[in-house]
């Protein structure tokens, strides 16, 4: 690298596969608990787990470092 030149930042691939950034800057995520052992969970609980969740603003601040260029 030449003088006065910064390197590129690396994207954390684990975070990139699991999270998506919205236009407003929030991070969208899948809810946990929907893969197996579904028999004991109520119909209502499984239905509500289908919807995507959002990260809290505190977590989003930490995740921004892992995803410097956002995700699409």
PDB file of N, CA and C in Angstrom:
ATOM      1  N   UNK A   1       0.830  -1.190   0.000  1.00  0.00           N
ATOM      2  CA  UNK A   1       0.000   0.000   0.000  1.00  0.00           C
ATOM      3  C   UNK A   1       0.869   1.247   0.000  1.00  0.00           C
ATOM      4  N   UNK A   2       0.424   2.244  -0.709  1.00  0.00           N
ATOM      5  CA  UNK A   2       1.165   3.495  -0.783  1.00  0.00           C
ATOM      6  C   UNK A   2       0.964   4.351   0.453  1.00  0.00           C
ATOM      7  N   UNK A   3       1.653   5.447   0.485  1.00  0.00           N
ATOM      8  CA  UNK A   3       1.555   6.367   1.621  1.00  0.00           C
ATOM      9  C   UNK A   3       0.193   7.056   1.589  1.00  0.00           C
ATOM     10  N   UNK A   4      -0.426   7.210   2.764  1.00  0.00           N
ATOM     11  CA  UNK A   4      -1.708   7.900   2.865  1.00  0.00           C
ATOM     12  C   UNK A   4      -2.876   7.097   2.319  1.00  0.00           C
ATOM     13  N   UNK A   5      -2.700   5.790   2.205  1.00  0.00           N
ATOM     14  CA  UNK A   5      -3.762   4.948   1.662  1.00  0.00           C
ATOM     15  C   UNK A   5      -4.228   3.956   2.724  1.00  0.00           C
ATOM     16  N   UNK A   6      -5.511   3.830   2.885  1.00  0.00           N
ATOM     17  CA  UNK A   6      -6.034   2.892   3.873  1.00  0.00           C
ATOM     18  C   UNK A   6      -6.478   1.614   3.181  1.00  0.00           C
ATOM     19  N   UNK A   7      -6.383   0.517   3.912  1.00  0.00           N
ATOM     20  CA  UNK A   7      -6.840  -0.748   3.364  1.00  0.00           C
ATOM     21  C   UNK A   7      -8.353  -0.863   3.440  1.00  0.00           C
ATOM     22  N   UNK A   8      -8.870  -1.881   2.788  1.00  0.00           N
ATOM     23  CA  UNK A   8     -10.307  -2.120   2.834  1.00  0.00           C
ATOM     24  C   UNK A   8     -10.651  -2.831   4.133  1.00  0.00           C
ATOM     25  N   UNK A   9     -11.861  -2.600   4.606  1.00  0.00           N
ATOM     26  CA  UNK A   9     -12.320  -3.271   5.818  1.00  0.00           C
ATOM     27  C   UNK A   9     -12.952  -4.598   5.437  1.00  0.00           C
ATOM     28  N   UNK A  10     -12.746  -5.607   6.273  1.00  0.00           N
ATOM     29  CA  UNK A  10     -13.311  -6.918   5.976  1.00  0.00           C
ATOM     30  C   UNK A  10     -14.714  -7.037   6.565  1.00  0.00           C
ATOM     31  N   UNK A  11     -15.600  -7.634   5.796  1.00  0.00           N
ATOM     32  CA  UNK A  11     -16.954  -7.920   6.247  1.00  0.00           C
ATOM     33  C   UNK A  11     -16.942  -9.236   7.005  1.00  0.00           C
ATOM     34  N   UNK A  12     -17.599  -9.281   8.145  1.00  0.00           N
ATOM     35  CA  UNK A  12     -17.741 -10.531   8.884  1.00  0.00           C
ATOM     36  C   UNK A  12     -18.815 -11.369   8.179  1.00  0.00           C
ATOM     37  N   UNK A  13     -18.402 -12.468   7.564  1.00  0.00           N
ATOM     38  CA  UNK A  13     -19.302 -13.259   6.722  1.00  0.00           C
ATOM     39  C   UNK A  13     -20.418 -13.936   7.501  1.00  0.00           C
ATOM     40  N   UNK A  14     -20.142 -14.307   8.761  1.00  0.00           N
ATOM     41  CA  UNK A  14     -21.186 -14.919   9.585  1.00  0.00           C
ATOM     42  C   UNK A  14     -22.335 -13.950   9.814  1.00  0.00           C
ATOM     43  N   UNK A  15     -21.994 -12.707  10.110  1.00  0.00           N
ATOM     44  CA  UNK A  15     -23.008 -11.676  10.341  1.00  0.00           C
ATOM     45  C   UNK A  15     -23.715 -11.327   9.034  1.00  0.00           C
ATOM     46  N   UNK A  16     -22.978 -11.301   7.932  1.00  0.00           N
ATOM     47  CA  UNK A  16     -23.561 -10.940   6.635  1.00  0.00           C
ATOM     48  C   UNK A  16     -24.625 -11.951   6.203  1.00  0.00           C
ATOM     49  N   UNK A  17     -24.428 -13.234   6.562  1.00  0.00           N
ATOM     50  CA  UNK A  17     -25.386 -14.276   6.188  1.00  0.00           C
ATOM     51  C   UNK A  17     -26.639 -14.240   7.049  1.00  0.00           C
ATOM     52  N   UNK A  18     -26.514 -13.708   8.253  1.00  0.00           N
ATOM     53  CA  UNK A  18     -27.627 -13.765   9.199  1.00  0.00           C
ATOM     54  C   UNK A  18     -28.439 -12.474   9.303  1.00  0.00           C
ATOM     55  N   UNK A  19     -27.844 -11.366   8.915  1.00  0.00           N
ATOM     56  CA  UNK A  19     -28.494 -10.069   9.106  1.00  0.00           C
ATOM     57  C   UNK A  19     -28.616  -9.298   7.807  1.00  0.00           C
ATOM     58  N   UNK A  20     -29.628  -8.440   7.746  1.00  0.00           N
ATOM     59  CA  UNK A  20     -29.853  -7.578   6.596  1.00  0.00           C
ATOM     60  C   UNK A  20     -30.104  -6.169   7.099  1.00  0.00           C
ATOM     61  N   UNK A  21     -29.520  -5.195   6.444  1.00  0.00           N
ATOM     62  CA  UNK A  21     -29.726  -3.814   6.871  1.00  0.00           C
ATOM     63  C   UNK A  21     -30.908  -3.219   6.106  1.00  0.00           C
ATOM     64  N   UNK A  22     -31.806  -2.532   6.825  1.00  0.00           N
ATOM     65  CA  UNK A  22     -32.940  -1.876   6.186  1.00  0.00           C
ATOM     66  C   UNK A  22     -32.503  -0.480   5.729  1.00  0.00           C
ATOM     67  N   UNK A  23     -33.358   0.174   4.958  1.00  0.00           N
ATOM     68  CA  UNK A  23     -33.018   1.520   4.473  1.00  0.00           C
ATOM     69  C   UNK A  23     -32.846   2.507   5.617  1.00  0.00           C
ATOM     70  N   UNK A  24     -33.598   2.282   6.695  1.00  0.00           N
ATOM     71  CA  UNK A  24     -33.514   3.208   7.834  1.00  0.00           C
ATOM     72  C   UNK A  24     -32.330   2.905   8.751  1.00  0.00           C
ATOM     73  N   UNK A  25     -31.545   1.856   8.410  1.00  0.00           N
ATOM     74  CA  UNK A  25     -30.340   1.558   9.175  1.00  0.00           C
ATOM     75  C   UNK A  25     -30.518   0.524  10.273  1.00  0.00           C
ATOM     76  N   UNK A  26     -31.731  -0.040  10.399  1.00  0.00           N
ATOM     77  CA  UNK A  26     -31.951  -1.102  11.381  1.00  0.00           C
ATOM     78  C   UNK A  26     -31.478  -2.426  10.792  1.00  0.00           C
ATOM     79  N   UNK A  27     -31.241  -3.411  11.656  1.00  0.00           N
ATOM     80  CA  UNK A  27     -30.841  -4.732  11.178  1.00  0.00           C
ATOM     81  C   UNK A  27     -31.977  -5.717  11.380  1.00  0.00           C
ATOM     82  N   UNK A  28     -32.334  -6.409  10.313  1.00  0.00           N
ATOM     83  CA  UNK A  28     -33.398  -7.403  10.328  1.00  0.00           C
ATOM     84  C   UNK A  28     -32.774  -8.763  10.558  1.00  0.00           C
ATOM     85  N   UNK A  29     -33.443  -9.617  11.346  1.00  0.00           N
ATOM     86  CA  UNK A  29     -32.898 -10.943  11.641  1.00  0.00           C
ATOM     87  C   UNK A  29     -34.007 -11.984  11.665  1.00  0.00           C
ATOM     88  N   UNK A  30     -33.635 -13.246  11.528  1.00  0.00           N
ATOM     89  CA  UNK A  30     -34.585 -14.346  11.691  1.00  0.00           C
ATOM     90  C   UNK A  30     -34.702 -14.645  13.175  1.00  0.00           C
ATOM     91  N   UNK A  31     -35.881 -15.042  13.617  1.00  0.00           N
ATOM     92  CA  UNK A  31     -36.059 -15.410  15.022  1.00  0.00           C
ATOM     93  C   UNK A  31     -35.577 -16.828  15.265  1.00  0.00           C
ATOM     94  N   UNK A  32     -34.967 -17.045  16.400  1.00  0.00           N
ATOM     95  CA  UNK A  32     -34.484 -18.375  16.773  1.00  0.00           C
ATOM     96  C   UNK A  32     -35.650 -19.223  17.271  1.00  0.00           C
ATOM     97  N   UNK A  33     -35.437 -20.544  17.305  1.00  0.00           N
ATOM     98  CA  UNK A  33     -36.426 -21.435  17.899  1.00  0.00           C
ATOM     99  C   UNK A  33     -37.435 -21.989  16.924  1.00  0.00           C
ATOM    100  N   UNK A  34     -37.101 -22.040  15.656  1.00  0.00           N
ATOM    101  CA  UNK A  34     -38.076 -22.480  14.656  1.00  0.00           C
ATOM    102  C   UNK A  34     -37.526 -23.646  13.821  1.00  0.00           C
ATOM    103  N   UNK A  35     -36.480 -24.307  14.292  1.00  0.00           N
ATOM    104  CA  UNK A  35     -35.845 -25.364  13.514  1.00  0.00           C
ATOM    105  C   UNK A  35     -36.318 -26.761  13.901  1.00  0.00           C
ATOM    106  N   UNK A  36     -36.340 -27.031  15.191  1.00  0.00           N
ATOM    107  CA  UNK A  36     -36.708 -28.381  15.639  1.00  0.00           C
ATOM    108  C   UNK A  36     -37.353 -28.318  17.016  1.00  0.00           C
ATOM    109  N   UNK A  37     -37.803 -29.462  17.510  1.00  0.00           N
ATOM    110  CA  UNK A  37     -38.563 -29.572  18.763  1.00  0.00           C
ATOM    111  C   UNK A  37     -39.774 -28.628  18.710  1.00  0.00           C
ATOM    112  N   UNK A  38     -40.532 -28.723  17.628  1.00  0.00           N
ATOM    113  CA  UNK A  38     -41.666 -27.823  17.433  1.00  0.00           C
ATOM    114  C   UNK A  38     -42.963 -28.385  18.017  1.00  0.00           C
ATOM    115  N   UNK A  39     -42.970 -29.673  18.336  1.00  0.00           N
ATOM    116  CA  UNK A  39     -44.187 -30.316  18.833  1.00  0.00           C
ATOM    117  C   UNK A  39     -44.698 -29.726  20.129  1.00  0.00           C
ATOM    118  N   UNK A  40     -43.775 -29.332  21.012  1.00  0.00           N
ATOM    119  CA  UNK A  40     -44.189 -28.804  22.320  1.00  0.00           C
ATOM    120  C   UNK A  40     -44.503 -27.310  22.280  1.00  0.00           C
ATOM    121  N   UNK A  41     -44.192 -26.653  21.176  1.00  0.00           N
ATOM    122  CA  UNK A  41     -44.465 -25.218  21.078  1.00  0.00           C
ATOM    123  C   UNK A  41     -45.883 -25.003  20.545  1.00  0.00           C
ATOM    124  N   UNK A  42     -46.528 -23.981  21.062  1.00  0.00           N
ATOM    125  CA  UNK A  42     -47.912 -23.740  20.664  1.00  0.00           C
ATOM    126  C   UNK A  42     -47.973 -23.215  19.235  1.00  0.00           C
ATOM    127  N   UNK A  43     -49.123 -23.378  18.631  1.00  0.00           N
ATOM    128  CA  UNK A  43     -49.366 -22.912  17.266  1.00  0.00           C
ATOM    129  C   UNK A  43     -49.099 -21.403  17.163  1.00  0.00           C
ATOM    130  N   UNK A  44     -49.571 -20.677  18.184  1.00  0.00           N
ATOM    131  CA  UNK A  44     -49.394 -19.221  18.216  1.00  0.00           C
ATOM    132  C   UNK A  44     -47.917 -18.839  18.255  1.00  0.00           C
ATOM    133  N   UNK A  45     -47.158 -19.534  19.089  1.00  0.00           N
ATOM    134  CA  UNK A  45     -45.732 -19.234  19.231  1.00  0.00           C
ATOM    135  C   UNK A  45     -44.987 -19.479  17.929  1.00  0.00           C
ATOM    136  N   UNK A  46     -45.299 -20.584  17.250  1.00  0.00           N
ATOM    137  CA  UNK A  46     -44.635 -20.908  15.978  1.00  0.00           C
ATOM    138  C   UNK A  46     -45.010 -19.904  14.893  1.00  0.00           C
ATOM    139  N   UNK A  47     -46.254 -19.468  14.913  1.00  0.00           N
ATOM    140  CA  UNK A  47     -46.728 -18.482  13.928  1.00  0.00           C
ATOM    141  C   UNK A  47     -45.996 -17.148  14.129  1.00  0.00           C
ATOM    142  N   UNK A  48     -45.835 -16.749  15.393  1.00  0.00           N
ATOM    143  CA  UNK A  48     -45.172 -15.477  15.675  1.00  0.00           C
ATOM    144  C   UNK A  48     -43.675 -15.535  15.369  1.00  0.00           C
ATOM    145  N   UNK A  49     -43.093 -16.723  15.432  1.00  0.00           N
ATOM    146  CA  UNK A  49     -41.667 -16.870  15.123  1.00  0.00           C
ATOM    147  C   UNK A  49     -41.382 -16.771  13.628  1.00  0.00           C
ATOM    148  N   UNK A  50     -42.421 -16.875  12.799  1.00  0.00           N
ATOM    149  CA  UNK A  50     -42.230 -16.739  11.341  1.00  0.00           C
ATOM    150  C   UNK A  50     -41.799 -15.325  10.959  1.00  0.00           C
ATOM    151  N   UNK A  51     -42.283 -14.351  11.710  1.00  0.00           N
ATOM    152  CA  UNK A  51     -41.979 -12.947  11.392  1.00  0.00           C
ATOM    153  C   UNK A  51     -40.519 -12.641  11.695  1.00  0.00           C
ATOM    154  N   UNK A  52     -39.949 -11.754  10.913  1.00  0.00           N
ATOM    155  CA  UNK A  52     -38.574 -11.319  11.163  1.00  0.00           C
ATOM    156  C   UNK A  52     -38.540 -10.410  12.380  1.00  0.00           C
ATOM    157  N   UNK A  53     -37.413 -10.420  13.064  1.00  0.00           N
ATOM    158  CA  UNK A  53     -37.215  -9.530  14.197  1.00  0.00           C
ATOM    159  C   UNK A  53     -36.201  -8.458  13.828  1.00  0.00           C
ATOM    160  N   UNK A  54     -36.023  -7.498  14.714  1.00  0.00           N
ATOM    161  CA  UNK A  54     -35.045  -6.439  14.502  1.00  0.00           C
ATOM    162  C   UNK A  54     -34.091  -6.404  15.679  1.00  0.00           C
ATOM    163  N   UNK A  55     -32.845  -6.086  15.414  1.00  0.00           N
ATOM    164  CA  UNK A  55     -31.865  -5.955  16.492  1.00  0.00           C
ATOM    165  C   UNK A  55     -32.136  -4.679  17.269  1.00  0.00           C
ATOM    166  N   UNK A  56     -31.796  -4.700  18.542  1.00  0.00           N
ATOM    167  CA  UNK A  56     -31.912  -3.491  19.347  1.00  0.00           C
ATOM    168  C   UNK A  56     -30.869  -2.485  18.862  1.00  0.00           C
ATOM    169  N   UNK A  57     -31.070  -1.239  19.161  1.00  0.00           N
ATOM    170  CA  UNK A  57     -30.142  -0.187  18.714  1.00  0.00           C
ATOM    171  C   UNK A  57     -28.752  -0.394  19.311  1.00  0.00           C
ATOM    172  N   UNK A  58     -28.704  -0.932  20.532  1.00  0.00           N
ATOM    173  CA  UNK A  58     -27.418  -1.202  21.187  1.00  0.00           C
ATOM    174  C   UNK A  58     -26.637  -2.258  20.421  1.00  0.00           C
ATOM    175  N   UNK A  59     -27.320  -3.349  20.050  1.00  0.00           N
ATOM    176  CA  UNK A  59     -26.670  -4.415  19.286  1.00  0.00           C
ATOM    177  C   UNK A  59     -26.303  -3.935  17.889  1.00  0.00           C
ATOM    178  N   UNK A  60     -27.169  -3.131  17.298  1.00  0.00           N
ATOM    179  CA  UNK A  60     -26.943  -2.639  15.936  1.00  0.00           C
ATOM    180  C   UNK A  60     -25.643  -1.835  15.856  1.00  0.00           C
ATOM    181  N   UNK A  61     -25.348  -1.098  16.901  1.00  0.00           N
ATOM    182  CA  UNK A  61     -24.122  -0.299  16.943  1.00  0.00           C
ATOM    183  C   UNK A  61     -22.892  -1.208  16.865  1.00  0.00           C
ATOM    184  N   UNK A  62     -22.944  -2.363  17.572  1.00  0.00           N
ATOM    185  CA  UNK A  62     -21.835  -3.313  17.556  1.00  0.00           C
ATOM    186  C   UNK A  62     -21.732  -4.036  16.223  1.00  0.00           C
ATOM    187  N   UNK A  63     -22.872  -4.344  15.620  1.00  0.00           N
ATOM    188  CA  UNK A  63     -22.895  -5.092  14.360  1.00  0.00           C
ATOM    189  C   UNK A  63     -22.383  -4.235  13.206  1.00  0.00           C
ATOM    190  N   UNK A  64     -22.568  -2.923  13.288  1.00  0.00           N
ATOM    191  CA  UNK A  64     -22.080  -2.033  12.213  1.00  0.00           C
ATOM    192  C   UNK A  64     -20.582  -2.186  11.982  1.00  0.00           C
ATOM    193  N   UNK A  65     -19.851  -2.518  13.030  1.00  0.00           N
ATOM    194  CA  UNK A  65     -18.400  -2.739  12.884  1.00  0.00           C
ATOM    195  C   UNK A  65     -18.107  -4.013  12.108  1.00  0.00           C
ATOM    196  N   UNK A  66     -19.000  -4.997  12.246  1.00  0.00           N
ATOM    197  CA  UNK A  66     -18.811  -6.262  11.535  1.00  0.00           C
ATOM    198  C   UNK A  66     -19.227  -6.158  10.071  1.00  0.00           C
ATOM    199  N   UNK A  67     -20.157  -5.239   9.798  1.00  0.00           N
ATOM    200  CA  UNK A  67     -20.649  -5.053   8.427  1.00  0.00           C
ATOM    201  C   UNK A  67     -20.399  -3.612   7.990  1.00  0.00           C
ATOM    202  N   UNK A  68     -19.154  -3.285   7.685  1.00  0.00           N
ATOM    203  CA  UNK A  68     -18.822  -1.878   7.373  1.00  0.00           C
ATOM    204  C   UNK A  68     -19.505  -1.344   6.122  1.00  0.00           C
ATOM    205  N   UNK A  69     -19.888  -2.211   5.196  1.00  0.00           N
ATOM    206  CA  UNK A  69     -20.505  -1.743   3.950  1.00  0.00           C
ATOM    207  C   UNK A  69     -21.993  -2.077   3.899  1.00  0.00           C
ATOM    208  N   UNK A  70     -22.566  -2.503   5.020  1.00  0.00           N
ATOM    209  CA  UNK A  70     -23.972  -2.886   5.049  1.00  0.00           C
ATOM    210  C   UNK A  70     -24.199  -4.187   4.306  1.00  0.00           C
ATOM    211  N   UNK A  71     -25.441  -4.643   4.280  1.00  0.00           N
ATOM    212  CA  UNK A  71     -25.799  -5.837   3.505  1.00  0.00           C
ATOM    213  C   UNK A  71     -27.037  -5.515   2.705  1.00  0.00           C
ATOM    214  N   UNK A  72     -27.236  -6.212   1.633  1.00  0.00           N
ATOM    215  CA  UNK A  72     -28.409  -5.935   0.791  1.00  0.00           C
ATOM    216  C   UNK A  72     -29.321  -7.116   0.719  1.00  0.00           C
TER     217      UNK A  72
END
